[in-house]
């Protein structure tokens, strides 16, 4: 059994969405990681909150990129 690496992003970290990878309904912008979710299909998942409107979304790690916080 393979050991999975730790989550790349931490709670409170500001992230961006990889364009074209998060679905058409999710606006591009800054999001804050609010919860680490269980892994599925070999990829970590997260709950993120929009810095613009406060809505929450679920994302896989491959759908996110690090950004500088302001």
PDB file of N, CA and C in Angstrom:
ATOM      1  N   UNK A   1       0.847  -1.180   0.000  1.00  0.00           N
ATOM      2  CA  UNK A   1       0.000   0.000   0.000  1.00  0.00           C
ATOM      3  C   UNK A   1       0.892   1.243   0.000  1.00  0.00           C
ATOM      4  N   UNK A   2       0.601   2.177  -0.882  1.00  0.00           N
ATOM      5  CA  UNK A   2       1.396   3.406  -1.002  1.00  0.00           C
ATOM      6  C   UNK A   2       0.992   4.390   0.091  1.00  0.00           C
ATOM      7  N   UNK A   3       1.966   5.117   0.597  1.00  0.00           N
ATOM      8  CA  UNK A   3       1.708   6.152   1.586  1.00  0.00           C
ATOM      9  C   UNK A   3       1.492   7.456   0.846  1.00  0.00           C
ATOM     10  N   UNK A   4       0.396   8.131   1.175  1.00  0.00           N
ATOM     11  CA  UNK A   4       0.084   9.379   0.499  1.00  0.00           C
ATOM     12  C   UNK A   4       0.826  10.536   1.167  1.00  0.00           C
ATOM     13  N   UNK A   5       1.281  11.452   0.369  1.00  0.00           N
ATOM     14  CA  UNK A   5       1.971  12.633   0.889  1.00  0.00           C
ATOM     15  C   UNK A   5       0.974  13.552   1.581  1.00  0.00           C
ATOM     16  N   UNK A   6       1.485  14.502   2.332  1.00  0.00           N
ATOM     17  CA  UNK A   6       0.640  15.461   3.059  1.00  0.00           C
ATOM     18  C   UNK A   6      -0.049  16.416   2.093  1.00  0.00           C
ATOM     19  N   UNK A   7      -1.117  17.044   2.563  1.00  0.00           N
ATOM     20  CA  UNK A   7      -1.781  18.078   1.771  1.00  0.00           C
ATOM     21  C   UNK A   7      -0.772  19.168   1.419  1.00  0.00           C
ATOM     22  N   UNK A   8      -0.839  19.658   0.209  1.00  0.00           N
ATOM     23  CA  UNK A   8       0.072  20.713  -0.252  1.00  0.00           C
ATOM     24  C   UNK A   8      -0.295  22.072   0.349  1.00  0.00           C
ATOM     25  N   UNK A   9      -1.589  22.334   0.480  1.00  0.00           N
ATOM     26  CA  UNK A   9      -2.069  23.618   0.981  1.00  0.00           C
ATOM     27  C   UNK A   9      -2.552  23.464   2.414  1.00  0.00           C
ATOM     28  N   UNK A  10      -2.501  24.559   3.180  1.00  0.00           N
ATOM     29  CA  UNK A  10      -2.891  24.559   4.586  1.00  0.00           C
ATOM     30  C   UNK A  10      -4.126  25.430   4.795  1.00  0.00           C
ATOM     31  N   UNK A  11      -4.854  25.165   5.874  1.00  0.00           N
ATOM     32  CA  UNK A  11      -6.008  25.986   6.238  1.00  0.00           C
ATOM     33  C   UNK A  11      -5.525  27.424   6.429  1.00  0.00           C
ATOM     34  N   UNK A  12      -6.246  28.373   5.855  1.00  0.00           N
ATOM     35  CA  UNK A  12      -5.896  29.787   5.943  1.00  0.00           C
ATOM     36  C   UNK A  12      -5.065  30.287   4.772  1.00  0.00           C
ATOM     37  N   UNK A  13      -4.549  29.374   3.957  1.00  0.00           N
ATOM     38  CA  UNK A  13      -3.715  29.756   2.809  1.00  0.00           C
ATOM     39  C   UNK A  13      -4.589  30.277   1.669  1.00  0.00           C
ATOM     40  N   UNK A  14      -4.095  31.305   0.972  1.00  0.00           N
ATOM     41  CA  UNK A  14      -4.792  31.865  -0.183  1.00  0.00           C
ATOM     42  C   UNK A  14      -4.351  31.115  -1.432  1.00  0.00           C
ATOM     43  N   UNK A  15      -5.332  30.697  -2.234  1.00  0.00           N
ATOM     44  CA  UNK A  15      -5.059  29.940  -3.459  1.00  0.00           C
ATOM     45  C   UNK A  15      -5.852  30.532  -4.615  1.00  0.00           C
ATOM     46  N   UNK A  16      -5.462  30.153  -5.812  1.00  0.00           N
ATOM     47  CA  UNK A  16      -6.198  30.506  -7.012  1.00  0.00           C
ATOM     48  C   UNK A  16      -6.714  29.247  -7.664  1.00  0.00           C
ATOM     49  N   UNK A  17      -7.568  29.419  -8.637  1.00  0.00           N
ATOM     50  CA  UNK A  17      -8.140  28.299  -9.373  1.00  0.00           C
ATOM     51  C   UNK A  17      -7.410  28.165 -10.695  1.00  0.00           C
ATOM     52  N   UNK A  18      -7.058  26.950 -11.057  1.00  0.00           N
ATOM     53  CA  UNK A  18      -6.438  26.696 -12.350  1.00  0.00           C
ATOM     54  C   UNK A  18      -7.525  26.865 -13.399  1.00  0.00           C
ATOM     55  N   UNK A  19      -7.339  27.830 -14.294  1.00  0.00           N
ATOM     56  CA  UNK A  19      -8.356  28.142 -15.300  1.00  0.00           C
ATOM     57  C   UNK A  19      -8.713  26.914 -16.123  1.00  0.00           C
ATOM     58  N   UNK A  20     -10.018  26.748 -16.346  1.00  0.00           N
ATOM     59  CA  UNK A  20     -10.512  25.659 -17.169  1.00  0.00           C
ATOM     60  C   UNK A  20     -10.522  24.314 -16.478  1.00  0.00           C
ATOM     61  N   UNK A  21     -10.107  24.277 -15.207  1.00  0.00           N
ATOM     62  CA  UNK A  21      -9.993  23.004 -14.519  1.00  0.00           C
ATOM     63  C   UNK A  21     -10.984  22.863 -13.380  1.00  0.00           C
ATOM     64  N   UNK A  22     -11.698  23.913 -13.024  1.00  0.00           N
ATOM     65  CA  UNK A  22     -12.597  23.868 -11.875  1.00  0.00           C
ATOM     66  C   UNK A  22     -14.068  23.897 -12.277  1.00  0.00           C
ATOM     67  N   UNK A  23     -14.351  23.933 -13.547  1.00  0.00           N
ATOM     68  CA  UNK A  23     -15.731  23.965 -14.006  1.00  0.00           C
ATOM     69  C   UNK A  23     -16.195  25.377 -14.298  1.00  0.00           C
ATOM     70  N   UNK A  24     -17.171  25.514 -15.185  1.00  0.00           N
ATOM     71  CA  UNK A  24     -17.609  26.834 -15.633  1.00  0.00           C
ATOM     72  C   UNK A  24     -18.342  27.650 -14.575  1.00  0.00           C
ATOM     73  N   UNK A  25     -18.932  27.018 -13.569  1.00  0.00           N
ATOM     74  CA  UNK A  25     -19.707  27.755 -12.571  1.00  0.00           C
ATOM     75  C   UNK A  25     -18.837  28.455 -11.538  1.00  0.00           C
ATOM     76  N   UNK A  26     -17.599  28.021 -11.386  1.00  0.00           N
ATOM     77  CA  UNK A  26     -16.725  28.591 -10.361  1.00  0.00           C
ATOM     78  C   UNK A  26     -15.966  29.784 -10.903  1.00  0.00           C
ATOM     79  N   UNK A  27     -16.185  30.969 -10.313  1.00  0.00           N
ATOM     80  CA  UNK A  27     -15.476  32.163 -10.786  1.00  0.00           C
ATOM     81  C   UNK A  27     -13.972  32.096 -10.504  1.00  0.00           C
ATOM     82  N   UNK A  28     -13.203  32.646 -11.408  1.00  0.00           N
ATOM     83  CA  UNK A  28     -11.757  32.753 -11.209  1.00  0.00           C
ATOM     84  C   UNK A  28     -11.522  33.848 -10.171  1.00  0.00           C
ATOM     85  N   UNK A  29     -10.610  33.620  -9.274  1.00  0.00           N
ATOM     86  CA  UNK A  29     -10.321  34.618  -8.249  1.00  0.00           C
ATOM     87  C   UNK A  29      -9.523  34.003  -7.123  1.00  0.00           C
ATOM     88  N   UNK A  30      -9.479  34.716  -6.007  1.00  0.00           N
ATOM     89  CA  UNK A  30      -8.748  34.252  -4.823  1.00  0.00           C
ATOM     90  C   UNK A  30      -9.704  33.508  -3.896  1.00  0.00           C
ATOM     91  N   UNK A  31      -9.191  32.438  -3.316  1.00  0.00           N
ATOM     92  CA  UNK A  31      -9.948  31.622  -2.380  1.00  0.00           C
ATOM     93  C   UNK A  31      -9.070  31.323  -1.177  1.00  0.00           C
ATOM     94  N   UNK A  32      -9.697  31.156  -0.024  1.00  0.00           N
ATOM     95  CA  UNK A  32      -8.971  30.809   1.194  1.00  0.00           C
ATOM     96  C   UNK A  32      -9.354  29.379   1.568  1.00  0.00           C
ATOM     97  N   UNK A  33      -8.348  28.550   1.852  1.00  0.00           N
ATOM     98  CA  UNK A  33      -8.596  27.174   2.263  1.00  0.00           C
ATOM     99  C   UNK A  33      -9.222  27.208   3.656  1.00  0.00           C
ATOM    100  N   UNK A  34     -10.422  26.614   3.801  1.00  0.00           N
ATOM    101  CA  UNK A  34     -11.100  26.601   5.092  1.00  0.00           C
ATOM    102  C   UNK A  34     -11.130  25.218   5.732  1.00  0.00           C
ATOM    103  N   UNK A  35     -10.891  24.161   4.930  1.00  0.00           N
ATOM    104  CA  UNK A  35     -10.892  22.814   5.508  1.00  0.00           C
ATOM    105  C   UNK A  35     -10.159  21.841   4.595  1.00  0.00           C
ATOM    106  N   UNK A  36      -9.398  20.951   5.202  1.00  0.00           N
ATOM    107  CA  UNK A  36      -8.766  19.859   4.460  1.00  0.00           C
ATOM    108  C   UNK A  36      -9.774  18.724   4.400  1.00  0.00           C
ATOM    109  N   UNK A  37     -10.002  18.205   3.204  1.00  0.00           N
ATOM    110  CA  UNK A  37     -10.977  17.141   3.005  1.00  0.00           C
ATOM    111  C   UNK A  37     -10.250  15.813   2.803  1.00  0.00           C
ATOM    112  N   UNK A  38     -10.976  14.717   2.909  1.00  0.00           N
ATOM    113  CA  UNK A  38     -10.347  13.419   2.654  1.00  0.00           C
ATOM    114  C   UNK A  38      -9.871  13.303   1.207  1.00  0.00           C
ATOM    115  N   UNK A  39      -8.918  12.450   1.011  1.00  0.00           N
ATOM    116  CA  UNK A  39      -8.398  12.200  -0.337  1.00  0.00           C
ATOM    117  C   UNK A  39      -9.323  11.232  -1.065  1.00  0.00           C
ATOM    118  N   UNK A  40      -9.386  11.387  -2.373  1.00  0.00           N
ATOM    119  CA  UNK A  40     -10.182  10.499  -3.217  1.00  0.00           C
ATOM    120  C   UNK A  40      -9.443  10.297  -4.530  1.00  0.00           C
ATOM    121  N   UNK A  41      -9.423   9.079  -4.993  1.00  0.00           N
ATOM    122  CA  UNK A  41      -8.757   8.749  -6.256  1.00  0.00           C
ATOM    123  C   UNK A  41      -7.305   9.207  -6.275  1.00  0.00           C
ATOM    124  N   UNK A  42      -6.631   9.153  -5.113  1.00  0.00           N
ATOM    125  CA  UNK A  42      -5.222   9.497  -5.038  1.00  0.00           C
ATOM    126  C   UNK A  42      -4.923  10.981  -5.026  1.00  0.00           C
ATOM    127  N   UNK A  43      -5.946  11.823  -4.822  1.00  0.00           N
ATOM    128  CA  UNK A  43      -5.722  13.267  -4.819  1.00  0.00           C
ATOM    129  C   UNK A  43      -6.383  13.893  -3.595  1.00  0.00           C
ATOM    130  N   UNK A  44      -5.678  14.824  -2.956  1.00  0.00           N
ATOM    131  CA  UNK A  44      -6.229  15.540  -1.802  1.00  0.00           C
ATOM    132  C   UNK A  44      -7.316  16.500  -2.265  1.00  0.00           C
ATOM    133  N   UNK A  45      -8.297  16.725  -1.381  1.00  0.00           N
ATOM    134  CA  UNK A  45      -9.386  17.656  -1.652  1.00  0.00           C
ATOM    135  C   UNK A  45      -9.460  18.693  -0.539  1.00  0.00           C
ATOM    136  N   UNK A  46     -10.083  19.831  -0.871  1.00  0.00           N
ATOM    137  CA  UNK A  46     -10.144  20.973   0.037  1.00  0.00           C
ATOM    138  C   UNK A  46     -11.505  21.639  -0.057  1.00  0.00           C
ATOM    139  N   UNK A  47     -11.875  22.338   1.005  1.00  0.00           N
ATOM    140  CA  UNK A  47     -13.016  23.240   0.992  1.00  0.00           C
ATOM    141  C   UNK A  47     -12.406  24.632   0.978  1.00  0.00           C
ATOM    142  N   UNK A  48     -12.810  25.466   0.016  1.00  0.00           N
ATOM    143  CA  UNK A  48     -12.263  26.813  -0.108  1.00  0.00           C
ATOM    144  C   UNK A  48     -13.400  27.830  -0.105  1.00  0.00           C
ATOM    145  N   UNK A  49     -13.083  29.046   0.337  1.00  0.00           N
ATOM    146  CA  UNK A  49     -14.075  30.119   0.418  1.00  0.00           C
ATOM    147  C   UNK A  49     -13.616  31.279  -0.446  1.00  0.00           C
ATOM    148  N   UNK A  50     -14.515  31.790  -1.269  1.00  0.00           N
ATOM    149  CA  UNK A  50     -14.214  32.914  -2.147  1.00  0.00           C
ATOM    150  C   UNK A  50     -13.914  34.165  -1.333  1.00  0.00           C
ATOM    151  N   UNK A  51     -12.812  34.829  -1.663  1.00  0.00           N
ATOM    152  CA  UNK A  51     -12.473  36.097  -1.016  1.00  0.00           C
ATOM    153  C   UNK A  51     -13.400  37.211  -1.496  1.00  0.00           C
ATOM    154  N   UNK A  52     -14.033  37.028  -2.661  1.00  0.00           N
ATOM    155  CA  UNK A  52     -14.894  38.062  -3.244  1.00  0.00           C
ATOM    156  C   UNK A  52     -16.321  38.028  -2.702  1.00  0.00           C
ATOM    157  N   UNK A  53     -16.943  36.828  -2.656  1.00  0.00           N
ATOM    158  CA  UNK A  53     -18.354  36.773  -2.268  1.00  0.00           C
ATOM    159  C   UNK A  53     -18.657  35.829  -1.109  1.00  0.00           C
ATOM    160  N   UNK A  54     -17.643  35.152  -0.578  1.00  0.00           N
ATOM    161  CA  UNK A  54     -17.844  34.300   0.593  1.00  0.00           C
ATOM    162  C   UNK A  54     -18.423  32.930   0.323  1.00  0.00           C
ATOM    163  N   UNK A  55     -18.728  32.618  -0.935  1.00  0.00           N
ATOM    164  CA  UNK A  55     -19.260  31.284  -1.244  1.00  0.00           C
ATOM    165  C   UNK A  55     -18.174  30.233  -1.085  1.00  0.00           C
ATOM    166  N   UNK A  56     -18.572  29.035  -0.671  1.00  0.00           N
ATOM    167  CA  UNK A  56     -17.624  27.936  -0.499  1.00  0.00           C
ATOM    168  C   UNK A  56     -17.750  26.934  -1.639  1.00  0.00           C
ATOM    169  N   UNK A  57     -16.588  26.332  -1.963  1.00  0.00           N
ATOM    170  CA  UNK A  57     -16.488  25.361  -3.042  1.00  0.00           C
ATOM    171  C   UNK A  57     -15.595  24.211  -2.600  1.00  0.00           C
ATOM    172  N   UNK A  58     -15.763  23.061  -3.207  1.00  0.00           N
ATOM    173  CA  UNK A  58     -14.874  21.927  -2.984  1.00  0.00           C
ATOM    174  C   UNK A  58     -13.970  21.791  -4.206  1.00  0.00           C
ATOM    175  N   UNK A  59     -12.669  21.645  -3.961  1.00  0.00           N
ATOM    176  CA  UNK A  59     -11.700  21.531  -5.048  1.00  0.00           C
ATOM    177  C   UNK A  59     -10.723  20.400  -4.784  1.00  0.00           C
ATOM    178  N   UNK A  60     -10.256  19.792  -5.856  1.00  0.00           N
ATOM    179  CA  UNK A  60      -9.154  18.843  -5.774  1.00  0.00           C
ATOM    180  C   UNK A  60      -7.848  19.633  -5.850  1.00  0.00           C
ATOM    181  N   UNK A  61      -6.785  19.062  -5.309  1.00  0.00           N
ATOM    182  CA  UNK A  61      -5.501  19.771  -5.272  1.00  0.00           C
ATOM    183  C   UNK A  61      -5.033  20.197  -6.668  1.00  0.00           C
ATOM    184  N   UNK A  62      -5.281  19.394  -7.676  1.00  0.00           N
ATOM    185  CA  UNK A  62      -4.867  19.721  -9.033  1.00  0.00           C
ATOM    186  C   UNK A  62      -5.617  20.890  -9.650  1.00  0.00           C
ATOM    187  N   UNK A  63      -6.696  21.315  -9.003  1.00  0.00           N
ATOM    188  CA  UNK A  63      -7.475  22.444  -9.493  1.00  0.00           C
ATOM    189  C   UNK A  63      -7.032  23.769  -8.870  1.00  0.00           C
ATOM    190  N   UNK A  64      -6.018  23.700  -8.003  1.00  0.00           N
ATOM    191  CA  UNK A  64      -5.592  24.878  -7.248  1.00  0.00           C
ATOM    192  C   UNK A  64      -4.146  25.234  -7.540  1.00  0.00           C
ATOM    193  N   UNK A  65      -3.836  26.534  -7.330  1.00  0.00           N
ATOM    194  CA  UNK A  65      -2.442  26.990  -7.456  1.00  0.00           C
ATOM    195  C   UNK A  65      -2.187  27.985  -6.329  1.00  0.00           C
ATOM    196  N   UNK A  66      -0.943  28.058  -5.859  1.00  0.00           N
ATOM    197  CA  UNK A  66      -0.638  29.028  -4.801  1.00  0.00           C
ATOM    198  C   UNK A  66      -0.639  30.450  -5.350  1.00  0.00           C
ATOM    199  N   UNK A  67      -1.074  31.396  -4.543  1.00  0.00           N
ATOM    200  CA  UNK A  67      -1.004  32.825  -4.889  1.00  0.00           C
ATOM    201  C   UNK A  67      -0.567  33.583  -3.653  1.00  0.00           C
ATOM    202  N   UNK A  68      -0.022  34.761  -3.856  1.00  0.00           N
ATOM    203  CA  UNK A  68       0.412  35.614  -2.746  1.00  0.00           C
ATOM    204  C   UNK A  68      -0.814  36.229  -2.082  1.00  0.00           C
ATOM    205  N   UNK A  69      -0.874  36.191  -0.780  1.00  0.00           N
ATOM    206  CA  UNK A  69      -1.981  36.801  -0.042  1.00  0.00           C
ATOM    207  C   UNK A  69      -1.805  38.320  -0.001  1.00  0.00           C
ATOM    208  N   UNK A  70      -2.921  39.031   0.001  1.00  0.00           N
ATOM    209  CA  UNK A  70      -2.897  40.501   0.100  1.00  0.00           C
ATOM    210  C   UNK A  70      -3.521  40.958   1.375  1.00  0.00           C
TER     211      UNK A  70
END
